[in-house]
Protein backbone atom coordinates (compact mmCIF):
# COMPACT_ATOMS: atom_id res chain seq x y z
CA UNK A 1 -11.95 -15.47 -3.29
CA UNK A 2 -9.74 -15.33 -0.21
CA UNK A 3 -9.99 -18.17 2.26
CA UNK A 4 -9.40 -17.88 5.96
CA UNK A 5 -5.78 -18.52 6.82
CA UNK A 6 -5.58 -21.84 8.66
CA UNK A 7 -3.51 -20.42 11.52
CA UNK A 8 -5.54 -17.24 11.99
CA UNK A 9 -2.18 -15.45 12.32
CA UNK A 10 -3.86 -12.02 12.77
CA UNK A 11 -6.26 -13.21 15.43
CA UNK A 12 -6.48 -10.64 18.20
CA UNK A 13 -4.78 -7.94 16.14
CA UNK A 14 -6.24 -4.65 14.94
CA UNK A 15 -5.32 -3.25 11.51
CA UNK A 16 -5.88 -0.04 9.63
CA UNK A 17 -5.72 0.29 5.83
CA UNK A 18 -5.79 3.65 4.03
CA UNK A 19 -7.34 3.64 0.59
CA UNK A 20 -8.92 0.36 1.55
CA UNK A 21 -12.27 0.67 -0.21
CA UNK A 22 -11.14 -0.28 -3.70
CA UNK A 23 -8.38 -1.97 -5.72
CA UNK A 24 -5.27 -3.10 -3.86
CA UNK A 25 -6.46 -1.61 -0.57
CA UNK A 26 -9.72 -3.54 -0.62
CA UNK A 27 -7.82 -6.75 -1.36
CA UNK A 28 -5.51 -6.07 1.61
CA UNK A 29 -8.35 -5.22 3.97
CA UNK A 30 -10.24 -8.36 2.90
CA UNK A 31 -7.27 -10.64 3.40
CA UNK A 32 -6.35 -9.24 6.80
CA UNK A 33 -10.00 -9.63 7.87
CA UNK A 34 -10.07 -13.22 6.61
CA UNK A 35 -6.92 -14.01 8.53
CA UNK A 36 -8.42 -12.91 11.79
CA UNK A 37 -7.72 -9.16 12.11
CA UNK A 38 -10.20 -6.50 13.05
CA UNK A 39 -9.80 -4.02 10.16
CA UNK A 40 -10.55 -0.34 9.81
CA UNK A 41 -10.68 1.07 6.31
CA UNK A 42 -9.90 4.77 5.92
CA UNK A 43 -10.91 6.11 2.56
CA UNK A 44 -12.25 9.32 0.94
CA UNK A 45 -15.21 7.19 -0.25
CA UNK A 46 -15.52 4.26 2.15
CA UNK A 47 -18.70 2.89 0.56
CA UNK A 48 -16.72 0.04 -1.04
CA UNK A 49 -15.05 -1.06 2.17
CA UNK A 50 -15.15 -4.86 2.48
CA UNK A 51 -17.96 -6.29 4.60
CA UNK A 52 -16.99 -6.85 8.22
CA UNK A 53 -14.54 -3.93 8.32
CA UNK A 54 -14.95 -0.60 10.06
CA UNK A 55 -15.50 2.00 7.25
CA UNK A 56 -14.20 5.46 8.10
CA UNK A 57 -14.38 8.50 5.80
CA UNK A 58 -10.97 10.18 5.83
CA UNK A 59 -8.73 11.90 3.27
CA UNK A 60 -4.99 11.40 3.76
CA UNK A 61 -4.36 15.01 2.71
CA UNK A 62 -6.00 16.18 5.92
CA UNK A 63 -4.03 15.74 9.11
CA UNK A 64 -7.21 16.37 11.17
CA UNK A 65 -9.19 13.74 9.24
CA UNK A 66 -6.47 11.14 9.62
CA UNK A 67 -6.02 11.75 13.32
CA UNK A 68 -9.77 11.48 13.77
CA UNK A 69 -9.94 8.27 11.70
CA UNK A 70 -7.12 6.61 13.60
CA UNK A 71 -8.72 7.65 16.89
CA UNK A 72 -12.06 6.14 15.80
CA UNK A 73 -10.36 2.83 14.90
CA UNK A 74 -8.54 2.66 18.20
CA UNK A 75 -11.71 3.51 20.11
CA UNK A 76 -13.55 0.67 18.32
CA UNK A 77 -10.78 -1.92 18.63
CA UNK A 78 -9.00 -0.88 21.79
CA UNK A 79 -5.58 -1.09 20.15
CA UNK A 80 -3.75 -0.80 16.85
CA UNK A 81 -1.12 -3.28 15.70
CA UNK A 82 -0.89 -3.04 11.92
CA UNK A 83 -0.99 0.01 9.67
CA UNK A 84 -1.02 -0.32 5.89
CA UNK A 85 -0.41 3.00 4.13
CA UNK A 86 -1.94 2.25 0.77
CA UNK A 87 -3.81 5.37 -0.36
CA UNK A 88 -2.24 6.85 -3.46
CA UNK A 89 -2.84 8.48 -6.85
CA UNK A 90 -1.22 8.25 -10.26
CA UNK A 91 0.11 10.87 -12.63
CA UNK A 92 1.06 10.74 -16.30
CA UNK A 93 3.69 12.83 -18.04
CA UNK A 94 7.28 13.97 -18.18
CA UNK A 95 8.67 16.76 -16.01
CA UNK A 96 7.44 19.22 -18.66
CA UNK A 97 3.88 18.01 -18.68
CA UNK A 98 2.74 18.68 -15.14
CA UNK A 99 2.48 22.08 -13.43
CA UNK A 100 3.66 22.65 -9.89
CA UNK A 101 0.09 22.15 -8.54
CA UNK A 102 0.03 18.59 -9.90
CA UNK A 103 3.42 17.79 -8.42
CA UNK A 104 2.26 19.12 -5.04
CA UNK A 105 -0.95 17.08 -5.29
CA UNK A 106 0.85 13.81 -6.05
CA UNK A 107 3.46 14.29 -3.32
CA UNK A 108 0.79 15.38 -0.81
CA UNK A 109 -1.18 12.19 -1.30
CA UNK A 110 1.53 9.61 -2.00
CA UNK A 111 4.18 10.76 0.46
CA UNK A 112 2.71 13.12 3.08
CA UNK A 113 -0.37 10.89 3.26
CA UNK A 114 1.90 8.16 4.65
CA UNK A 115 3.53 10.61 7.01
CA UNK A 116 0.22 11.82 8.38
CA UNK A 117 -1.02 8.28 8.89
CA UNK A 118 2.13 7.09 10.66
CA UNK A 119 2.26 10.20 12.81
CA UNK A 120 -1.24 9.60 14.08
CA UNK A 121 -0.76 5.85 14.56
CA UNK A 122 2.68 5.72 16.18
CA UNK A 123 1.61 6.37 19.81
CA UNK A 124 -0.87 3.48 19.55
CA UNK A 125 1.70 1.23 17.78
CA UNK A 126 4.23 1.85 20.51
CA UNK A 127 1.70 0.81 23.15
CA UNK A 128 0.82 -2.33 21.20
CA UNK A 129 4.50 -3.25 20.68
CA UNK A 130 5.01 -3.33 24.41
CA UNK A 131 2.25 -5.94 24.73
CA UNK A 132 2.66 -7.90 21.52
CA UNK A 133 6.38 -8.01 20.51
CA UNK A 134 6.87 -8.89 16.83
CA UNK A 135 3.26 -8.18 15.95
CA UNK A 136 3.42 -4.44 15.24
CA UNK A 137 4.14 -3.06 11.82
CA UNK A 138 3.71 -0.38 9.20
CA UNK A 139 3.64 -1.42 5.55
CA UNK A 140 3.58 1.03 2.66
CA UNK A 141 2.35 0.40 -0.87
CA UNK A 142 5.26 1.62 -2.98
CA UNK A 143 5.81 0.78 -6.70
CA UNK A 144 8.18 -0.62 -9.28
CA UNK A 145 8.41 3.05 -10.29
CA UNK A 146 10.66 3.61 -7.24
CA UNK A 147 13.40 1.41 -8.67
CA UNK A 148 12.89 1.30 -12.47
CA UNK A 149 12.71 4.21 -14.87
CA UNK A 150 9.24 4.22 -16.51
CA UNK A 151 8.31 6.57 -19.32
CA UNK A 152 5.66 9.22 -18.77
CA UNK A 153 5.62 8.75 -14.99
CA UNK A 154 7.97 11.51 -13.70
CA UNK A 155 5.84 12.86 -10.77
CA UNK A 156 4.54 9.41 -9.81
CA UNK A 157 8.00 7.89 -9.88
CA UNK A 158 9.46 10.73 -7.80
CA UNK A 159 6.74 10.23 -5.19
CA UNK A 160 7.29 6.48 -5.02
CA UNK A 161 11.05 6.92 -4.80
CA UNK A 162 10.36 9.09 -1.80
CA UNK A 163 8.13 6.37 -0.33
CA UNK A 164 10.95 3.85 -0.57
CA UNK A 165 13.39 6.22 1.15
CA UNK A 166 10.83 7.06 3.78
CA UNK A 167 10.25 3.37 4.49
CA UNK A 168 13.95 2.79 5.14
CA UNK A 169 14.24 5.88 7.33
CA UNK A 170 11.22 4.94 9.38
CA UNK A 171 12.44 1.38 9.76
CA UNK A 172 15.67 2.79 11.29
CA UNK A 173 13.81 5.25 13.49
CA UNK A 174 11.36 2.77 15.01
CA UNK A 175 13.10 -0.60 15.12
CA UNK A 176 14.03 -0.19 18.78
CA UNK A 177 10.43 0.60 19.61
CA UNK A 178 9.39 -2.79 18.29
CA UNK A 179 7.73 -1.31 15.15
CA UNK A 180 8.70 -2.87 11.83
CA UNK A 181 8.41 -0.78 8.63
CA UNK A 182 8.44 -2.34 5.15
CA UNK A 183 6.95 -1.70 1.70
CA UNK A 184 5.73 -3.67 -1.28
CA UNK A 185 6.72 -2.64 -4.78
CA UNK A 186 4.02 -3.82 -7.19
CA UNK A 187 4.39 -3.86 -10.95
CA UNK A 188 1.38 -2.83 -13.01
CA UNK A 189 -1.64 -4.15 -11.13
CA UNK A 190 -5.01 -4.89 -12.66
CA UNK A 191 -7.02 -2.27 -10.75
CA UNK A 192 -9.80 0.19 -11.51
CA UNK A 193 -7.20 2.95 -11.88
CA UNK A 194 -5.34 1.03 -14.57
CA UNK A 195 -8.70 0.32 -16.21
CA UNK A 196 -9.43 4.02 -16.39
CA UNK A 197 -5.94 4.64 -17.78
CA UNK A 198 -6.46 2.06 -20.48
CA UNK A 199 -9.90 3.56 -21.26
CA UNK A 200 -8.24 6.88 -22.18
CA UNK A 201 -5.78 5.26 -24.62
CA UNK A 202 -6.32 5.50 -28.38
CA UNK A 203 -6.17 1.68 -28.59
CA UNK A 204 -6.99 0.23 -25.13
CA UNK A 205 -6.35 -3.34 -26.22
CA UNK A 206 -2.93 -2.53 -27.61
CA UNK A 207 -2.05 -0.53 -24.52
CA UNK A 208 -3.03 -3.35 -22.22
CA UNK A 209 -0.96 -5.79 -24.31
CA UNK A 210 2.03 -3.46 -23.97
CA UNK A 211 1.61 -3.25 -20.19
CA UNK A 212 1.39 -7.02 -20.00
CA UNK A 213 4.39 -7.56 -22.25
CA UNK A 214 6.74 -5.40 -20.15
CA UNK A 215 6.28 -7.78 -17.21
CA UNK A 216 8.25 -11.01 -17.73
CA UNK A 217 5.29 -13.08 -16.60
CA UNK A 218 3.36 -11.65 -19.54
CA UNK A 219 0.39 -10.49 -17.41
CA UNK A 220 -0.65 -7.81 -15.00
CA UNK A 221 -0.27 -8.40 -11.30
CA UNK A 222 -3.46 -9.27 -9.44
CA UNK A 223 -4.48 -7.13 -6.44
CA UNK A 224 -4.77 -10.32 -4.35
CA UNK A 225 -1.08 -11.05 -5.07
CA UNK A 226 -0.07 -7.68 -3.63
CA UNK A 227 -2.33 -8.25 -0.65
CA UNK A 228 -0.64 -11.57 0.06
CA UNK A 229 2.78 -9.84 0.15
CA UNK A 230 1.46 -7.12 2.47
CA UNK A 231 -0.07 -9.69 4.77
CA UNK A 232 3.25 -11.55 5.00
CA UNK A 233 5.17 -8.33 5.88
CA UNK A 234 2.57 -7.35 8.45
CA UNK A 235 2.24 -10.78 10.03
CA UNK A 236 4.06 -12.07 13.14
CA UNK A 237 5.77 -14.56 10.79
CA UNK A 238 7.83 -11.62 9.47
CA UNK A 239 9.00 -10.54 12.94
CA UNK A 240 12.61 -10.40 11.69
CA UNK A 241 11.75 -8.44 8.53
CA UNK A 242 12.09 -4.64 8.57
CA UNK A 243 13.47 -2.07 6.14
CA UNK A 244 12.55 -4.38 3.23
CA UNK A 245 11.03 -3.60 -0.15
CA UNK A 246 9.25 -6.70 -1.45
CA UNK A 247 8.76 -6.64 -5.23
CA UNK A 248 5.49 -8.09 -6.59
CA UNK A 249 6.20 -7.17 -10.16
CA UNK A 250 6.16 -10.28 -12.29
CA UNK A 251 9.98 -10.07 -12.54
CA UNK A 252 9.94 -6.58 -14.02
CA UNK A 253 12.67 -5.14 -11.86
CA UNK A 254 15.23 -7.94 -11.81
CA UNK A 255 14.81 -10.02 -14.99
CA UNK A 256 16.15 -9.28 -18.46
CA UNK A 257 14.68 -11.92 -20.77
CA UNK A 258 15.84 -12.47 -24.32
CA UNK A 259 13.12 -11.79 -26.97
CA UNK A 260 10.89 -14.78 -27.50
CA UNK A 261 11.63 -16.65 -30.71
């Protein structure tokens, strides 16, 4: 269970988290709340939004819904300082396995969902940056799939590679406006989505063991660990950090261990 941060480093700040009603997003929303932020959760099904947050029903594939959700959050809080673009979906298969419609669906949620969210939030973030220098940020949930070739993840990996490039471009575009833009690159995280994926495997236990084994730590990443990385990137303590991809992957990207003997 998250404990309140002793410094209350998000005190007085307003945050918005897309896809914040379950999994990684719920962990992020909970931690930001516990560290003093007022938090709005935008989700297609906001019923699971953490207690004490503003739950808003919004689908990132709808520009109108996102604009309305951001406006509702700003009306409630009076400002917006931190945006976490977390909503995303997975996809399984090689380039041969998914039809164009599936590719469009994955890119629409995982990439354009971030674009729509940022586009709606930027006027409010600019206003906040003028009043609270160093406290305004956008953080994207990216993936190890952006930087490592994973089998059976062609569409998903392509979308997350785009998220990484988008993060860098946005960081360059908005740095002089006082808006920092970063992303986290989780490895395989123990979330409901991964649980459903394992449930469809012929041998769920063996599949889970394989996922754990490909991370040098020998275990899946916890959602709370990703949330901690997001909170750092979004916090005033990271005022000098922008255009950065922070890996939370159990060493998966950078380590090449010899086989255990």
